[in-house]
N, C-alpha and C. Protein backbone atom coordinates (compact mmCIF):
# COMPACT_ATOMS: atom_id res chain seq x y z
N MET A 1 297.87 56.29 83.04
CA MET A 1 297.52 56.60 84.41
C MET A 1 297.37 55.33 85.23
N ARG A 2 296.73 54.32 84.66
CA ARG A 2 296.51 53.09 85.40
C ARG A 2 297.83 52.43 85.80
N ALA A 3 298.80 52.44 84.92
CA ALA A 3 300.09 51.83 85.22
C ALA A 3 300.73 52.49 86.43
N SER A 4 300.63 53.80 86.53
CA SER A 4 301.23 54.48 87.68
C SER A 4 300.44 54.20 88.95
N ALA A 5 299.13 54.06 88.84
CA ALA A 5 298.31 53.77 90.02
C ALA A 5 298.63 52.39 90.58
N GLU A 6 298.98 51.46 89.70
CA GLU A 6 299.32 50.11 90.16
C GLU A 6 300.61 50.10 90.97
N HIS A 7 301.44 51.11 90.79
CA HIS A 7 302.71 51.17 91.51
C HIS A 7 302.65 52.10 92.72
N THR A 8 301.51 52.68 92.95
CA THR A 8 301.35 53.58 94.08
C THR A 8 301.19 52.75 95.34
N PRO A 9 301.99 53.02 96.36
CA PRO A 9 301.87 52.22 97.59
C PRO A 9 300.55 52.47 98.30
N THR A 10 300.09 51.47 99.02
CA THR A 10 298.86 51.59 99.80
C THR A 10 299.06 52.62 100.90
N LEU A 11 298.05 53.41 101.14
CA LEU A 11 298.09 54.40 102.20
C LEU A 11 298.12 53.68 103.55
N THR A 12 299.15 53.94 104.34
CA THR A 12 299.28 53.24 105.61
C THR A 12 298.87 54.09 106.80
N ASP A 13 298.70 55.37 106.61
CA ASP A 13 298.36 56.26 107.72
C ASP A 13 297.07 57.02 107.45
N ALA A 14 296.06 56.32 106.98
CA ALA A 14 294.79 56.97 106.65
C ALA A 14 294.20 57.68 107.86
N ASP A 15 294.38 57.10 109.03
CA ASP A 15 293.83 57.73 110.23
C ASP A 15 294.51 59.07 110.52
N LEU A 16 295.81 59.16 110.27
CA LEU A 16 296.51 60.43 110.48
C LEU A 16 296.11 61.47 109.45
N VAL A 17 295.88 61.03 108.22
CA VAL A 17 295.41 61.94 107.18
C VAL A 17 294.03 62.48 107.56
N ALA A 18 293.15 61.60 108.00
CA ALA A 18 291.80 62.02 108.41
C ALA A 18 291.84 62.93 109.63
N GLU A 19 292.74 62.63 110.56
CA GLU A 19 292.88 63.48 111.75
C GLU A 19 293.30 64.90 111.36
N ARG A 20 294.25 64.98 110.44
CA ARG A 20 294.71 66.30 110.00
C ARG A 20 293.61 67.03 109.24
N ALA A 21 292.91 66.32 108.38
CA ALA A 21 291.82 66.94 107.62
C ALA A 21 290.73 67.46 108.55
N ALA A 22 290.51 66.76 109.65
CA ALA A 22 289.45 67.15 110.59
C ALA A 22 289.70 68.51 111.23
N ARG A 23 290.93 68.98 111.14
CA ARG A 23 291.26 70.30 111.69
C ARG A 23 290.85 71.45 110.77
N HIS A 24 290.28 71.10 109.61
CA HIS A 24 289.95 72.12 108.61
C HIS A 24 288.51 71.99 108.14
N PRO A 25 287.55 72.23 109.03
CA PRO A 25 286.14 72.04 108.64
C PRO A 25 285.65 73.02 107.59
N ASP A 26 286.38 74.08 107.36
CA ASP A 26 285.98 75.06 106.35
C ASP A 26 286.60 74.78 104.98
N SER A 27 287.32 73.67 104.87
CA SER A 27 288.01 73.34 103.63
C SER A 27 287.24 72.29 102.82
N ALA A 28 286.86 72.67 101.61
CA ALA A 28 286.19 71.73 100.71
C ALA A 28 287.11 70.54 100.42
N ASP A 29 288.39 70.80 100.26
CA ASP A 29 289.35 69.73 99.97
C ASP A 29 289.42 68.72 101.12
N ALA A 30 289.42 69.20 102.35
CA ALA A 30 289.47 68.30 103.51
C ALA A 30 288.22 67.43 103.56
N LEU A 31 287.08 68.00 103.25
CA LEU A 31 285.82 67.24 103.26
C LEU A 31 285.81 66.17 102.17
N VAL A 32 286.26 66.51 100.98
CA VAL A 32 286.28 65.55 99.88
C VAL A 32 287.30 64.45 100.16
N LEU A 33 288.47 64.82 100.63
CA LEU A 33 289.50 63.83 100.94
C LEU A 33 289.00 62.85 102.01
N THR A 34 288.40 63.37 103.04
CA THR A 34 287.91 62.51 104.11
C THR A 34 286.77 61.63 103.64
N ALA A 35 285.89 62.15 102.81
CA ALA A 35 284.83 61.32 102.23
C ALA A 35 285.43 60.17 101.43
N HIS A 36 286.50 60.46 100.70
CA HIS A 36 287.18 59.42 99.92
C HIS A 36 287.78 58.36 100.85
N LEU A 37 288.39 58.79 101.94
CA LEU A 37 288.98 57.85 102.89
C LEU A 37 287.92 56.95 103.52
N VAL A 38 286.74 57.50 103.76
CA VAL A 38 285.64 56.71 104.33
C VAL A 38 285.10 55.74 103.28
N THR A 39 284.93 56.22 102.06
CA THR A 39 284.35 55.42 100.98
C THR A 39 285.28 54.30 100.51
N HIS A 40 286.57 54.59 100.49
CA HIS A 40 287.56 53.64 99.99
C HIS A 40 288.59 53.34 101.08
N PRO A 41 288.20 52.53 102.07
CA PRO A 41 289.13 52.27 103.17
C PRO A 41 290.42 51.61 102.68
N ALA A 42 291.50 51.97 103.33
CA ALA A 42 292.82 51.47 102.94
C ALA A 42 293.03 50.03 103.36
N GLY A 43 292.15 49.49 104.17
CA GLY A 43 292.28 48.12 104.62
C GLY A 43 293.41 47.93 105.60
N SER A 44 293.76 49.00 106.26
CA SER A 44 294.90 48.96 107.17
C SER A 44 294.49 48.77 108.62
N GLY A 45 293.24 48.46 108.86
CA GLY A 45 292.76 48.30 110.24
C GLY A 45 292.51 49.62 110.93
N GLN A 46 292.53 50.71 110.19
CA GLN A 46 292.35 52.04 110.78
C GLN A 46 290.99 52.64 110.43
N ASN A 47 290.10 51.82 109.91
CA ASN A 47 288.81 52.34 109.43
C ASN A 47 287.99 53.00 110.52
N ALA A 48 287.99 52.43 111.72
CA ALA A 48 287.22 53.02 112.82
C ALA A 48 287.76 54.40 113.17
N ALA A 49 289.07 54.55 113.20
CA ALA A 49 289.67 55.85 113.50
C ALA A 49 289.37 56.85 112.40
N VAL A 50 289.43 56.40 111.14
CA VAL A 50 289.11 57.29 110.02
C VAL A 50 287.67 57.78 110.14
N ARG A 51 286.75 56.87 110.42
CA ARG A 51 285.33 57.26 110.56
C ARG A 51 285.13 58.19 111.75
N ARG A 52 285.87 57.98 112.84
CA ARG A 52 285.75 58.84 114.02
C ARG A 52 286.20 60.27 113.66
N HIS A 53 287.32 60.39 112.97
CA HIS A 53 287.80 61.72 112.56
C HIS A 53 286.86 62.34 111.52
N ALA A 54 286.32 61.51 110.65
CA ALA A 54 285.38 62.00 109.64
C ALA A 54 284.13 62.56 110.31
N ARG A 55 283.65 61.86 111.33
CA ARG A 55 282.46 62.34 112.05
C ARG A 55 282.76 63.66 112.76
N ALA A 56 283.96 63.77 113.35
CA ALA A 56 284.34 65.02 114.01
C ALA A 56 284.40 66.17 112.99
N LEU A 57 284.93 65.87 111.81
CA LEU A 57 284.99 66.88 110.75
C LEU A 57 283.59 67.27 110.31
N LEU A 58 282.72 66.30 110.14
CA LEU A 58 281.34 66.60 109.75
C LEU A 58 280.65 67.46 110.80
N ASP A 59 280.82 67.11 112.06
CA ASP A 59 280.20 67.89 113.14
C ASP A 59 280.71 69.33 113.15
N ALA A 60 282.03 69.49 112.97
CA ALA A 60 282.60 70.84 112.97
C ALA A 60 282.16 71.63 111.74
N ALA A 61 282.08 70.97 110.61
CA ALA A 61 281.67 71.66 109.39
C ALA A 61 280.21 72.08 109.44
N THR A 62 279.35 71.23 110.00
CA THR A 62 277.94 71.60 110.08
C THR A 62 277.69 72.65 111.16
N ALA A 63 278.64 72.84 112.07
CA ALA A 63 278.51 73.88 113.09
C ALA A 63 278.86 75.26 112.55
N LEU A 64 279.50 75.30 111.38
CA LEU A 64 279.84 76.58 110.77
C LEU A 64 278.56 77.30 110.34
N PRO A 65 278.59 78.62 110.31
CA PRO A 65 277.44 79.36 109.77
C PRO A 65 277.16 78.90 108.34
N GLN A 66 275.91 78.85 107.98
CA GLN A 66 275.48 78.34 106.67
C GLN A 66 276.26 78.97 105.52
N ASP A 67 276.52 80.27 105.57
CA ASP A 67 277.20 80.94 104.47
C ASP A 67 278.71 80.63 104.42
N GLU A 68 279.25 80.00 105.45
CA GLU A 68 280.66 79.61 105.48
C GLU A 68 280.86 78.11 105.28
N ARG A 69 279.78 77.36 105.25
CA ARG A 69 279.83 75.91 105.17
C ARG A 69 280.04 75.45 103.73
N PRO A 70 281.11 74.70 103.48
CA PRO A 70 281.34 74.19 102.12
C PRO A 70 280.22 73.22 101.70
N SER A 71 279.87 73.24 100.43
CA SER A 71 278.82 72.35 99.95
C SER A 71 279.23 70.89 99.99
N GLU A 72 280.52 70.62 100.10
CA GLU A 72 281.03 69.25 100.15
C GLU A 72 280.68 68.52 101.44
N VAL A 73 280.06 69.24 102.37
CA VAL A 73 279.59 68.60 103.60
C VAL A 73 278.65 67.44 103.25
N GLN A 74 277.87 67.61 102.20
CA GLN A 74 276.94 66.56 101.76
C GLN A 74 277.66 65.29 101.36
N LYS A 75 278.81 65.43 100.69
CA LYS A 75 279.58 64.26 100.26
C LYS A 75 280.07 63.46 101.46
N LEU A 76 280.58 64.17 102.46
CA LEU A 76 281.07 63.48 103.66
C LEU A 76 279.92 62.84 104.42
N SER A 77 278.82 63.53 104.53
CA SER A 77 277.65 62.97 105.20
C SER A 77 277.19 61.69 104.52
N ARG A 78 277.10 61.72 103.21
CA ARG A 78 276.67 60.55 102.44
C ARG A 78 277.66 59.39 102.60
N ALA A 79 278.96 59.70 102.59
CA ALA A 79 279.98 58.65 102.75
C ALA A 79 279.85 57.99 104.12
N LEU A 80 279.61 58.78 105.14
CA LEU A 80 279.46 58.21 106.48
C LEU A 80 278.20 57.37 106.60
N VAL A 81 277.11 57.84 106.03
CA VAL A 81 275.87 57.07 106.05
C VAL A 81 276.08 55.74 105.33
N ASN A 82 276.72 55.76 104.18
CA ASN A 82 276.98 54.54 103.43
C ASN A 82 277.92 53.59 104.18
N ALA A 83 278.73 54.14 105.09
CA ALA A 83 279.64 53.32 105.89
C ALA A 83 278.96 52.81 107.15
N GLY A 84 277.69 53.17 107.35
CA GLY A 84 276.94 52.66 108.48
C GLY A 84 276.65 53.65 109.59
N ASP A 85 277.10 54.89 109.46
CA ASP A 85 276.85 55.92 110.46
C ASP A 85 275.53 56.62 110.12
N ILE A 86 274.44 56.00 110.50
CA ILE A 86 273.12 56.51 110.14
C ILE A 86 272.86 57.89 110.74
N ASP A 87 273.43 58.18 111.91
CA ASP A 87 273.24 59.49 112.53
C ASP A 87 273.79 60.63 111.66
N ALA A 88 274.73 60.31 110.80
CA ALA A 88 275.30 61.34 109.92
C ALA A 88 274.26 61.88 108.95
N ALA A 89 273.17 61.13 108.74
CA ALA A 89 272.12 61.58 107.83
C ALA A 89 271.45 62.84 108.33
N THR A 90 271.46 63.06 109.63
CA THR A 90 270.82 64.26 110.19
C THR A 90 271.73 65.47 110.12
N ARG A 91 272.98 65.25 109.73
CA ARG A 91 273.95 66.34 109.58
C ARG A 91 274.02 66.73 108.11
N GLY A 92 274.67 67.85 107.88
CA GLY A 92 274.91 68.26 106.49
C GLY A 92 273.65 68.54 105.79
């Protein structure tokens, strides 16, 4: 597995991936993917845009009724807090 990971190209459009994920606040996969993008920035200079889309996703996900809100909201909230978005601690 490691050998194949070494040959995997660096993600160059992390902001576009995060933007697309932000359209799916009810998706556990979108929340986990976006948390990963925040936690492991691609170093492509798009980190601010990724965090902006991540925050929009977090806001939309926490606006869902409690019974429709994926539990992965906590992962995204924690990733944003660790990235310096302290206000995200009040969400999720």
